[in-house]
PDB file of N, CA and C in Angstrom:
ATOM      1  N   UNK A   1     -34.550 -13.383  10.425  1.00  0.00           N
ATOM      2  CA  UNK A   1     -34.641 -13.229   8.986  1.00  0.00           C
ATOM      3  C   UNK A   1     -33.299 -12.694   8.462  1.00  0.00           C
ATOM      4  N   UNK A   2     -32.797 -13.329   7.432  1.00  0.00           N
ATOM      5  CA  UNK A   2     -31.539 -12.896   6.834  1.00  0.00           C
ATOM      6  C   UNK A   2     -31.756 -11.675   5.953  1.00  0.00           C
ATOM      7  N   UNK A   3     -30.820 -10.757   6.039  1.00  0.00           N
ATOM      8  CA  UNK A   3     -30.900  -9.610   5.145  1.00  0.00           C
ATOM      9  C   UNK A   3     -29.922  -9.794   3.992  1.00  0.00           C
ATOM     10  N   UNK A   4     -29.992  -8.904   3.024  1.00  0.00           N
ATOM     11  CA  UNK A   4     -29.166  -9.021   1.821  1.00  0.00           C
ATOM     12  C   UNK A   4     -27.684  -8.994   2.148  1.00  0.00           C
ATOM     13  N   UNK A   5     -27.280  -8.114   3.046  1.00  0.00           N
ATOM     14  CA  UNK A   5     -25.866  -8.002   3.405  1.00  0.00           C
ATOM     15  C   UNK A   5     -25.348  -9.331   3.958  1.00  0.00           C
ATOM     16  N   UNK A   6     -26.094  -9.934   4.850  1.00  0.00           N
ATOM     17  CA  UNK A   6     -25.690 -11.209   5.443  1.00  0.00           C
ATOM     18  C   UNK A   6     -25.578 -12.294   4.384  1.00  0.00           C
ATOM     19  N   UNK A   7     -26.537 -12.345   3.476  1.00  0.00           N
ATOM     20  CA  UNK A   7     -26.514 -13.375   2.437  1.00  0.00           C
ATOM     21  C   UNK A   7     -25.315 -13.195   1.507  1.00  0.00           C
ATOM     22  N   UNK A   8     -25.032 -11.970   1.112  1.00  0.00           N
ATOM     23  CA  UNK A   8     -23.912 -11.719   0.198  1.00  0.00           C
ATOM     24  C   UNK A   8     -22.589 -12.005   0.885  1.00  0.00           C
ATOM     25  N   UNK A   9     -22.421 -11.534   2.124  1.00  0.00           N
ATOM     26  CA  UNK A   9     -21.150 -11.777   2.809  1.00  0.00           C
ATOM     27  C   UNK A   9     -20.966 -13.255   3.135  1.00  0.00           C
ATOM     28  N   UNK A  10     -22.039 -13.962   3.474  1.00  0.00           N
ATOM     29  CA  UNK A  10     -21.935 -15.417   3.706  1.00  0.00           C
ATOM     30  C   UNK A  10     -21.555 -16.148   2.426  1.00  0.00           C
ATOM     31  N   UNK A  11     -22.158 -15.758   1.308  1.00  0.00           N
ATOM     32  CA  UNK A  11     -21.829 -16.393   0.020  1.00  0.00           C
ATOM     33  C   UNK A  11     -20.376 -16.112  -0.349  1.00  0.00           C
ATOM     34  N   UNK A  12     -19.929 -14.893  -0.131  1.00  0.00           N
ATOM     35  CA  UNK A  12     -18.547 -14.522  -0.442  1.00  0.00           C
ATOM     36  C   UNK A  12     -17.567 -15.313   0.434  1.00  0.00           C
ATOM     37  N   UNK A  13     -17.878 -15.454   1.692  1.00  0.00           N
ATOM     38  CA  UNK A  13     -17.037 -16.233   2.601  1.00  0.00           C
ATOM     39  C   UNK A  13     -16.978 -17.692   2.162  1.00  0.00           C
ATOM     40  N   UNK A  14     -18.123 -18.252   1.766  1.00  0.00           N
ATOM     41  CA  UNK A  14     -18.161 -19.631   1.305  1.00  0.00           C
ATOM     42  C   UNK A  14     -17.345 -19.849   0.045  1.00  0.00           C
ATOM     43  N   UNK A  15     -17.475 -18.945  -0.909  1.00  0.00           N
ATOM     44  CA  UNK A  15     -16.727 -19.057  -2.169  1.00  0.00           C
ATOM     45  C   UNK A  15     -15.230 -18.930  -1.898  1.00  0.00           C
ATOM     46  N   UNK A  16     -14.852 -18.019  -1.014  1.00  0.00           N
ATOM     47  CA  UNK A  16     -13.436 -17.876  -0.675  1.00  0.00           C
ATOM     48  C   UNK A  16     -12.880 -19.161  -0.064  1.00  0.00           C
ATOM     49  N   UNK A  17     -13.677 -19.816   0.758  1.00  0.00           N
ATOM     50  CA  UNK A  17     -13.263 -21.087   1.345  1.00  0.00           C
ATOM     51  C   UNK A  17     -13.096 -22.163   0.287  1.00  0.00           C
ATOM     52  N   UNK A  18     -14.005 -22.191  -0.659  1.00  0.00           N
ATOM     53  CA  UNK A  18     -13.908 -23.179  -1.745  1.00  0.00           C
ATOM     54  C   UNK A  18     -12.657 -22.940  -2.580  1.00  0.00           C
ATOM     55  N   UNK A  19     -12.340 -21.686  -2.848  1.00  0.00           N
ATOM     56  CA  UNK A  19     -11.128 -21.376  -3.617  1.00  0.00           C
ATOM     57  C   UNK A  19      -9.878 -21.870  -2.875  1.00  0.00           C
ATOM     58  N   UNK A  20      -9.878 -21.732  -1.568  1.00  0.00           N
ATOM     59  CA  UNK A  20      -8.760 -22.239  -0.770  1.00  0.00           C
ATOM     60  C   UNK A  20      -8.641 -23.749  -0.912  1.00  0.00           C
ATOM     61  N   UNK A  21      -9.775 -24.436  -0.863  1.00  0.00           N
ATOM     62  CA  UNK A  21      -9.763 -25.897  -0.984  1.00  0.00           C
ATOM     63  C   UNK A  21      -9.278 -26.348  -2.359  1.00  0.00           C
ATOM     64  N   UNK A  22      -9.710 -25.642  -3.414  1.00  0.00           N
ATOM     65  CA  UNK A  22      -9.223 -25.977  -4.759  1.00  0.00           C
ATOM     66  C   UNK A  22      -7.713 -25.777  -4.837  1.00  0.00           C
ATOM     67  N   UNK A  23      -7.227 -24.709  -4.220  1.00  0.00           N
ATOM     68  CA  UNK A  23      -5.796 -24.447  -4.202  1.00  0.00           C
ATOM     69  C   UNK A  23      -5.010 -25.552  -3.514  1.00  0.00           C
ATOM     70  N   UNK A  24      -5.630 -26.222  -2.563  1.00  0.00           N
ATOM     71  CA  UNK A  24      -4.992 -27.343  -1.884  1.00  0.00           C
ATOM     72  C   UNK A  24      -5.104 -28.635  -2.693  1.00  0.00           C
ATOM     73  N   UNK A  25      -6.246 -28.847  -3.328  1.00  0.00           N
ATOM     74  CA  UNK A  25      -6.493 -30.107  -4.042  1.00  0.00           C
ATOM     75  C   UNK A  25      -5.739 -30.215  -5.364  1.00  0.00           C
ATOM     76  N   UNK A  26      -5.750 -29.165  -6.139  1.00  0.00           N
ATOM     77  CA  UNK A  26      -5.213 -29.226  -7.503  1.00  0.00           C
ATOM     78  C   UNK A  26      -3.758 -29.703  -7.535  1.00  0.00           C
ATOM     79  N   UNK A  27      -2.858 -29.146  -6.729  1.00  0.00           N
ATOM     80  CA  UNK A  27      -1.470 -29.604  -6.819  1.00  0.00           C
ATOM     81  C   UNK A  27      -1.264 -31.038  -6.326  1.00  0.00           C
ATOM     82  N   UNK A  28      -2.202 -31.554  -5.549  1.00  0.00           N
ATOM     83  CA  UNK A  28      -2.066 -32.894  -5.000  1.00  0.00           C
ATOM     84  C   UNK A  28      -2.673 -33.966  -5.904  1.00  0.00           C
ATOM     85  N   UNK A  29      -3.306 -33.556  -6.974  1.00  0.00           N
ATOM     86  CA  UNK A  29      -3.991 -34.483  -7.864  1.00  0.00           C
ATOM     87  C   UNK A  29      -3.061 -34.913  -8.987  1.00  0.00           C
ATOM     88  N   UNK A  30      -2.871 -36.226  -9.123  1.00  0.00           N
ATOM     89  CA  UNK A  30      -2.003 -36.737 -10.183  1.00  0.00           C
ATOM     90  C   UNK A  30      -2.763 -37.012 -11.470  1.00  0.00           C
ATOM     91  N   UNK A  31      -4.051 -37.294 -11.365  1.00  0.00           N
ATOM     92  CA  UNK A  31      -4.872 -37.595 -12.537  1.00  0.00           C
ATOM     93  C   UNK A  31      -5.073 -36.308 -13.343  1.00  0.00           C
ATOM     94  N   UNK A  32      -4.538 -36.294 -14.563  1.00  0.00           N
ATOM     95  CA  UNK A  32      -4.571 -35.072 -15.379  1.00  0.00           C
ATOM     96  C   UNK A  32      -5.990 -34.629 -15.705  1.00  0.00           C
ATOM     97  N   UNK A  33      -6.892 -35.566 -15.965  1.00  0.00           N
ATOM     98  CA  UNK A  33      -8.283 -35.203 -16.288  1.00  0.00           C
ATOM     99  C   UNK A  33      -8.970 -34.588 -15.080  1.00  0.00           C
ATOM    100  N   UNK A  34      -8.746 -35.194 -13.921  1.00  0.00           N
ATOM    101  CA  UNK A  34      -9.338 -34.645 -12.698  1.00  0.00           C
ATOM    102  C   UNK A  34      -8.752 -33.274 -12.397  1.00  0.00           C
ATOM    103  N   UNK A  35      -7.449 -33.134 -12.575  1.00  0.00           N
ATOM    104  CA  UNK A  35      -6.790 -31.851 -12.332  1.00  0.00           C
ATOM    105  C   UNK A  35      -7.381 -30.768 -13.236  1.00  0.00           C
ATOM    106  N   UNK A  36      -7.580 -31.094 -14.511  1.00  0.00           N
ATOM    107  CA  UNK A  36      -8.152 -30.125 -15.449  1.00  0.00           C
ATOM    108  C   UNK A  36      -9.580 -29.760 -15.054  1.00  0.00           C
ATOM    109  N   UNK A  37     -10.348 -30.752 -14.625  1.00  0.00           N
ATOM    110  CA  UNK A  37     -11.731 -30.517 -14.191  1.00  0.00           C
ATOM    111  C   UNK A  37     -11.752 -29.604 -12.965  1.00  0.00           C
ATOM    112  N   UNK A  38     -10.875 -29.862 -12.008  1.00  0.00           N
ATOM    113  CA  UNK A  38     -10.809 -29.027 -10.810  1.00  0.00           C
ATOM    114  C   UNK A  38     -10.404 -27.596 -11.147  1.00  0.00           C
ATOM    115  N   UNK A  39      -9.478 -27.452 -12.087  1.00  0.00           N
ATOM    116  CA  UNK A  39      -9.069 -26.111 -12.514  1.00  0.00           C
ATOM    117  C   UNK A  39     -10.227 -25.356 -13.155  1.00  0.00           C
ATOM    118  N   UNK A  40     -11.016 -26.063 -13.953  1.00  0.00           N
ATOM    119  CA  UNK A  40     -12.166 -25.420 -14.600  1.00  0.00           C
ATOM    120  C   UNK A  40     -13.193 -24.983 -13.555  1.00  0.00           C
ATOM    121  N   UNK A  41     -13.458 -25.850 -12.602  1.00  0.00           N
ATOM    122  CA  UNK A  41     -14.414 -25.505 -11.536  1.00  0.00           C
ATOM    123  C   UNK A  41     -13.868 -24.338 -10.715  1.00  0.00           C
ATOM    124  N   UNK A  42     -12.557 -24.362 -10.424  1.00  0.00           N
ATOM    125  CA  UNK A  42     -11.939 -23.271  -9.676  1.00  0.00           C
ATOM    126  C   UNK A  42     -12.082 -21.946 -10.426  1.00  0.00           C
ATOM    127  N   UNK A  43     -11.870 -21.972 -11.752  1.00  0.00           N
ATOM    128  CA  UNK A  43     -11.991 -20.748 -12.548  1.00  0.00           C
ATOM    129  C   UNK A  43     -13.413 -20.202 -12.498  1.00  0.00           C
ATOM    130  N   UNK A  44     -14.402 -21.080 -12.572  1.00  0.00           N
ATOM    131  CA  UNK A  44     -15.803 -20.644 -12.467  1.00  0.00           C
ATOM    132  C   UNK A  44     -16.080 -20.075 -11.081  1.00  0.00           C
ATOM    133  N   UNK A  45     -15.499 -20.704 -10.083  1.00  0.00           N
ATOM    134  CA  UNK A  45     -15.653 -20.244  -8.704  1.00  0.00           C
ATOM    135  C   UNK A  45     -15.030 -18.853  -8.543  1.00  0.00           C
ATOM    136  N   UNK A  46     -13.877 -18.637  -9.178  1.00  0.00           N
ATOM    137  CA  UNK A  46     -13.230 -17.325  -9.121  1.00  0.00           C
ATOM    138  C   UNK A  46     -14.100 -16.251  -9.777  1.00  0.00           C
ATOM    139  N   UNK A  47     -14.750 -16.596 -10.871  1.00  0.00           N
ATOM    140  CA  UNK A  47     -15.642 -15.624 -11.522  1.00  0.00           C
ATOM    141  C   UNK A  47     -16.814 -15.283 -10.613  1.00  0.00           C
ATOM    142  N   UNK A  48     -17.355 -16.280  -9.926  1.00  0.00           N
ATOM    143  CA  UNK A  48     -18.448 -16.025  -8.978  1.00  0.00           C
ATOM    144  C   UNK A  48     -17.974 -15.149  -7.829  1.00  0.00           C
ATOM    145  N   UNK A  49     -16.776 -15.448  -7.345  1.00  0.00           N
ATOM    146  CA  UNK A  49     -16.217 -14.662  -6.249  1.00  0.00           C
ATOM    147  C   UNK A  49     -16.057 -13.208  -6.663  1.00  0.00           C
ATOM    148  N   UNK A  50     -15.593 -12.995  -7.882  1.00  0.00           N
ATOM    149  CA  UNK A  50     -15.397 -11.628  -8.367  1.00  0.00           C
ATOM    150  C   UNK A  50     -16.730 -10.893  -8.479  1.00  0.00           C
ATOM    151  N   UNK A  51     -17.759 -11.561  -8.967  1.00  0.00           N
ATOM    152  CA  UNK A  51     -19.083 -10.931  -9.063  1.00  0.00           C
ATOM    153  C   UNK A  51     -19.613 -10.573  -7.680  1.00  0.00           C
ATOM    154  N   UNK A  52     -19.506 -11.512  -6.739  1.00  0.00           N
ATOM    155  CA  UNK A  52     -19.973 -11.243  -5.380  1.00  0.00           C
ATOM    156  C   UNK A  52     -19.187 -10.101  -4.743  1.00  0.00           C
ATOM    157  N   UNK A  53     -17.889 -10.084  -4.981  1.00  0.00           N
ATOM    158  CA  UNK A  53     -17.038  -9.024  -4.446  1.00  0.00           C
ATOM    159  C   UNK A  53     -17.487  -7.659  -4.970  1.00  0.00           C
ATOM    160  N   UNK A  54     -17.762  -7.579  -6.266  1.00  0.00           N
ATOM    161  CA  UNK A  54     -18.190  -6.294  -6.847  1.00  0.00           C
ATOM    162  C   UNK A  54     -19.548  -5.867  -6.287  1.00  0.00           C
ATOM    163  N   UNK A  55     -20.451  -6.798  -6.111  1.00  0.00           N
ATOM    164  CA  UNK A  55     -21.756  -6.472  -5.514  1.00  0.00           C
ATOM    165  C   UNK A  55     -21.555  -5.948  -4.095  1.00  0.00           C
ATOM    166  N   UNK A  56     -20.718  -6.657  -3.323  1.00  0.00           N
ATOM    167  CA  UNK A  56     -20.474  -6.250  -1.937  1.00  0.00           C
ATOM    168  C   UNK A  56     -19.829  -4.867  -1.877  1.00  0.00           C
ATOM    169  N   UNK A  57     -18.901  -4.582  -2.791  1.00  0.00           N
ATOM    170  CA  UNK A  57     -18.256  -3.261  -2.831  1.00  0.00           C
ATOM    171  C   UNK A  57     -19.254  -2.175  -3.202  1.00  0.00           C
ATOM    172  N   UNK A  58     -20.079  -2.435  -4.236  1.00  0.00           N
ATOM    173  CA  UNK A  58     -21.050  -1.440  -4.687  1.00  0.00           C
ATOM    174  C   UNK A  58     -22.029  -1.066  -3.588  1.00  0.00           C
ATOM    175  N   UNK A  59     -22.401  -2.031  -2.773  1.00  0.00           N
ATOM    176  CA  UNK A  59     -23.388  -1.785  -1.732  1.00  0.00           C
ATOM    177  C   UNK A  59     -22.743  -1.432  -0.391  1.00  0.00           C
ATOM    178  N   UNK A  60     -21.427  -1.276  -0.390  1.00  0.00           N
ATOM    179  CA  UNK A  60     -20.657  -0.955   0.820  1.00  0.00           C
ATOM    180  C   UNK A  60     -20.803  -2.013   1.906  1.00  0.00           C
ATOM    181  N   UNK A  61     -21.011  -3.265   1.500  1.00  0.00           N
ATOM    182  CA  UNK A  61     -21.048  -4.373   2.453  1.00  0.00           C
ATOM    183  C   UNK A  61     -19.629  -4.836   2.766  1.00  0.00           C
ATOM    184  N   UNK A  62     -18.715  -4.513   1.881  1.00  0.00           N
ATOM    185  CA  UNK A  62     -17.320  -4.906   2.051  1.00  0.00           C
ATOM    186  C   UNK A  62     -16.446  -3.709   1.722  1.00  0.00           C
ATOM    187  N   UNK A  63     -15.572  -3.380   2.633  1.00  0.00           N
ATOM    188  CA  UNK A  63     -14.632  -2.287   2.402  1.00  0.00           C
ATOM    189  C   UNK A  63     -13.232  -2.880   2.557  1.00  0.00           C
ATOM    190  N   UNK A  64     -12.476  -2.913   1.470  1.00  0.00           N
ATOM    191  CA  UNK A  64     -11.149  -3.523   1.538  1.00  0.00           C
ATOM    192  C   UNK A  64     -10.187  -2.697   2.389  1.00  0.00           C
ATOM    193  N   UNK A  65      -9.143  -3.344   2.834  1.00  0.00           N
ATOM    194  CA  UNK A  65      -8.105  -2.647   3.594  1.00  0.00           C
ATOM    195  C   UNK A  65      -7.435  -1.620   2.695  1.00  0.00           C
ATOM    196  N   UNK A  66      -6.800  -0.650   3.320  1.00  0.00           N
ATOM    197  CA  UNK A  66      -6.074   0.354   2.553  1.00  0.00           C
ATOM    198  C   UNK A  66      -4.945  -0.303   1.778  1.00  0.00           C
ATOM    199  N   UNK A  67      -4.605   0.288   0.645  1.00  0.00           N
ATOM    200  CA  UNK A  67      -3.505  -0.228  -0.153  1.00  0.00           C
ATOM    201  C   UNK A  67      -2.194  -0.019   0.596  1.00  0.00           C
ATOM    202  N   UNK A  68      -1.294  -0.961   0.416  1.00  0.00           N
ATOM    203  CA  UNK A  68       0.019  -0.863   1.050  1.00  0.00           C
ATOM    204  C   UNK A  68       0.826   0.254   0.404  1.00  0.00           C
ATOM    205  N   UNK A  69       1.631   0.900   1.225  1.00  0.00           N
ATOM    206  CA  UNK A  69       2.517   1.937   0.699  1.00  0.00           C
ATOM    207  C   UNK A  69       3.687   1.265  -0.021  1.00  0.00           C
ATOM    208  N   UNK A  70       4.398   2.023  -0.828  1.00  0.00           N
ATOM    209  CA  UNK A  70       5.557   1.463  -1.525  1.00  0.00           C
ATOM    210  C   UNK A  70       6.607   0.997  -0.519  1.00  0.00           C
ATOM    211  N   UNK A  71       6.728   1.706   0.575  1.00  0.00           N
ATOM    212  CA  UNK A  71       7.687   1.321   1.616  1.00  0.00           C
ATOM    213  C   UNK A  71       7.308  -0.049   2.206  1.00  0.00           C
ATOM    214  N   UNK A  72       6.021  -0.262   2.468  1.00  0.00           N
ATOM    215  CA  UNK A  72       5.569  -1.551   2.999  1.00  0.00           C
ATOM    216  C   UNK A  72       5.800  -2.673   1.988  1.00  0.00           C
ATOM    217  N   UNK A  73       5.530  -2.404   0.730  1.00  0.00           N
ATOM    218  CA  UNK A  73       5.744  -3.393  -0.333  1.00  0.00           C
ATOM    219  C   UNK A  73       7.222  -3.757  -0.419  1.00  0.00           C
ATOM    220  N   UNK A  74       8.077  -2.747  -0.410  1.00  0.00           N
ATOM    221  CA  UNK A  74       9.524  -2.979  -0.483  1.00  0.00           C
ATOM    222  C   UNK A  74      10.018  -3.789   0.718  1.00  0.00           C
ATOM    223  N   UNK A  75       9.473  -3.508   1.882  1.00  0.00           N
ATOM    224  CA  UNK A  75       9.861  -4.235   3.094  1.00  0.00           C
ATOM    225  C   UNK A  75       9.510  -5.716   2.977  1.00  0.00           C
ATOM    226  N   UNK A  76       8.305  -6.022   2.534  1.00  0.00           N
ATOM    227  CA  UNK A  76       7.885  -7.419   2.377  1.00  0.00           C
ATOM    228  C   UNK A  76       8.724  -8.109   1.310  1.00  0.00           C
ATOM    229  N   UNK A  77       8.995  -7.415   0.215  1.00  0.00           N
ATOM    230  CA  UNK A  77       9.840  -7.985  -0.842  1.00  0.00           C
ATOM    231  C   UNK A  77      11.218  -8.336  -0.303  1.00  0.00           C
ATOM    232  N   UNK A  78      11.777  -7.459   0.505  1.00  0.00           N
ATOM    233  CA  UNK A  78      13.121  -7.724   1.034  1.00  0.00           C
ATOM    234  C   UNK A  78      13.112  -8.924   1.974  1.00  0.00           C
ATOM    235  N   UNK A  79      12.066  -9.066   2.772  1.00  0.00           N
ATOM    236  CA  UNK A  79      11.958 -10.222   3.669  1.00  0.00           C
ATOM    237  C   UNK A  79      11.844 -11.504   2.852  1.00  0.00           C
ATOM    238  N   UNK A  80      11.003 -11.488   1.831  1.00  0.00           N
ATOM    239  CA  UNK A  80      10.818 -12.690   1.010  1.00  0.00           C
ATOM    240  C   UNK A  80      12.075 -13.018   0.207  1.00  0.00           C
ATOM    241  N   UNK A  81      12.777 -12.016  -0.259  1.00  0.00           N
ATOM    242  CA  UNK A  81      14.015 -12.241  -1.002  1.00  0.00           C
ATOM    243  C   UNK A  81      15.074 -12.854  -0.099  1.00  0.00           C
ATOM    244  N   UNK A  82      15.180 -12.346   1.137  1.00  0.00           N
ATOM    245  CA  UNK A  82      16.140 -12.892   2.089  1.00  0.00           C
ATOM    246  C   UNK A  82      15.810 -14.341   2.438  1.00  0.00           C
ATOM    247  N   UNK A  83      14.525 -14.641   2.610  1.00  0.00           N
ATOM    248  CA  UNK A  83      14.096 -15.997   2.954  1.00  0.00           C
ATOM    249  C   UNK A  83      14.408 -16.980   1.844  1.00  0.00           C
ATOM    250  N   UNK A  84      14.234 -16.563   0.604  1.00  0.00           N
ATOM    251  CA  UNK A  84      14.457 -17.469  -0.517  1.00  0.00           C
ATOM    252  C   UNK A  84      15.935 -17.712  -0.779  1.00  0.00           C
ATOM    253  N   UNK A  85      16.791 -16.831  -0.305  1.00  0.00           N
ATOM    254  CA  UNK A  85      18.234 -16.991  -0.509  1.00  0.00           C
ATOM    255  C   UNK A  85      18.856 -17.921   0.520  1.00  0.00           C
ATOM    256  N   UNK A  86      18.175 -18.162   1.604  1.00  0.00           N
ATOM    257  CA  UNK A  86      18.734 -19.001   2.683  1.00  0.00           C
ATOM    258  C   UNK A  86      18.596 -20.465   2.397  1.00  0.00           C
TER     259      UNK A  86
END
């Protein structure tokens, strides 16, 4: 029998996967009407993901990683800046 935690985390995982797929499809679509439709569906999917995320956080089903320190952020920025200059 599935419990609430399993159902919410499975739904969140599924929505996250769909968002990844939209991110891949949208830039590859040349048809402007289809592209707009995919963007609209993606936006609705993002709203669902946000709702599921908040439910999971409220019920402690999902605990995000600790926030990066400023030093870690600066380090990643420097790596990305160096990569883009090459």
